[in-house]
Amino acid sequence: MQERKRLEEQIDQDANISSLTSDLDTLFELAREGENVNGDIEREIRSFSGHLAKLEDKMLLSEENAAKSAIVTIHPGAGGTESQDWAEMLLRMYLRWAERNRFETVITDRLEGEGAGIKSVTFEVNGENAYGLLQSEVGVHRLVRISPFDANARRHTSFASVFVYPQIDDEIKIDIKPEDIRVDTFRASGAGGQHVNRTDSAIRMTHLPTNIVVQCQNERSQHKNRASAMKQLRAKLYEFEMDKKRAEDRKLEDSKLEINFGSQIRSYVLAPYRLIKDHRTKLAVGDVDRVLDGDLDSLIHAYLVFRKTGKTASDGKDDLPE
C-alpha cells in the first residue's frame, strides 16, 4: 500500500506538470492574439516553479533513509522562559510546515515549561521524504526579539536545538536485548486530562550500553506509551550505529556543519529589523511571519542544493550582526 501510494503521487505530479504546461501554452497563445493575460501568466509560472522545486527536492534526497518518516526533538537552550517559548514557536512552525505538506504528525512526549513554552518535545512526522527534508533543520536555531516577558522591553537572544532521526521500518533488524533496557514508569504531567494523570502510564526507557534515553507520556495506556517509546529507541539506536559506520566518510561534511550551541545554523531576527538568515546557505528571507507559520520550503530547498553542490544563495559577505 505504501508503494502504491508513492506511485500514485508520482502519477499525480506528472499530471499536474502536464496540466500546468498546457495551461501556460494556452495563455501564451492568447497573449500572442492580443489578449491581456499577463497576470494569469505570472500566477501560472509561480505555480509551475513551485511544482518544479518540489520535484527537484525529491531528486536531491538521494541519501540513505531520506524517504522515511521522521522523529523530531526540540530542546530549549539556556535562558529559562525566553528559550522555552522559542522552542514552542519552533514546534508550531514545524507542525504548520507538516500540515502544509500533508504530513501527519503525532506528539509523543511534551514537557511544559514552568512559566511558558516547553522544556522539551518529541514528535513524529509521518510521510514519504519527511526525514530527508527535515535534515535541513538539524542544529541550533537563534532568535533575536524584544522579549514579551521583559517588563523593560529589552532585546533578548534565545537558542533552541533541533534533532531529527529516521523512523525505522520493522523489517530492519535492530538487536535490542531485553536485559539491556531499563524501563521506568511514572505519572504523566502537564496537559492531557485526568485520564492521563491518574495512573503511572508514562514510560521512560534507558538503553544501558549506550545510555540513550527515550520517554513517552501522551497516550492513555501504558501499553501504547511503551510501544511509542520502543519505536523512538529503535530509531535512535539505528542512527547511533549508522553514525559510527559513516564517521570516516563524513569527517569533511561534519567540519562544515558542526552542531553546537553558539554555532547556530539559522537566525530569526524580529528586532530591530525583521529577517531570517540561514548561515549555511546564506539564504535570507524577509517574510518572517510566513516562515514562522510553516513556509520553510525555500530554506529547505536551499539547504538541499547546498549539501549536494556546495552552492549558496549569496557570497555570504553580509552576515547578520551578533
Foldseek 3Di string as FASTA:
>chain_A
DQVVVVVVVVVVLVVVLVVLVVVLVVLVVVVVVPDPCVVVNVVSVVVNVVSVLVVVLVVLLDDPLQFFKKKKKKAWDPDAPQRQQVSQLVVLQAVLQLVVVVWDKDWFDWAAGPPHHTRMTMMITGGTRNQNLCVLQAAKEKEWAQDPPDPVRDIDIIIMGMDMWGQDDPVDDDDQDPVQKDKDFAADDDDADPLLRVDRQKIWIARNVVRDIFIGRRDNHNVVRVVVRVRVVSRVVVVVVVCVVCVVVCPVVCVLVPHDVVPGQKYAYPPPAGWIAGQQQRDIDRPRVVSSSHPCSVVSSSVSCCVVPVHHPDPNPDDDDD
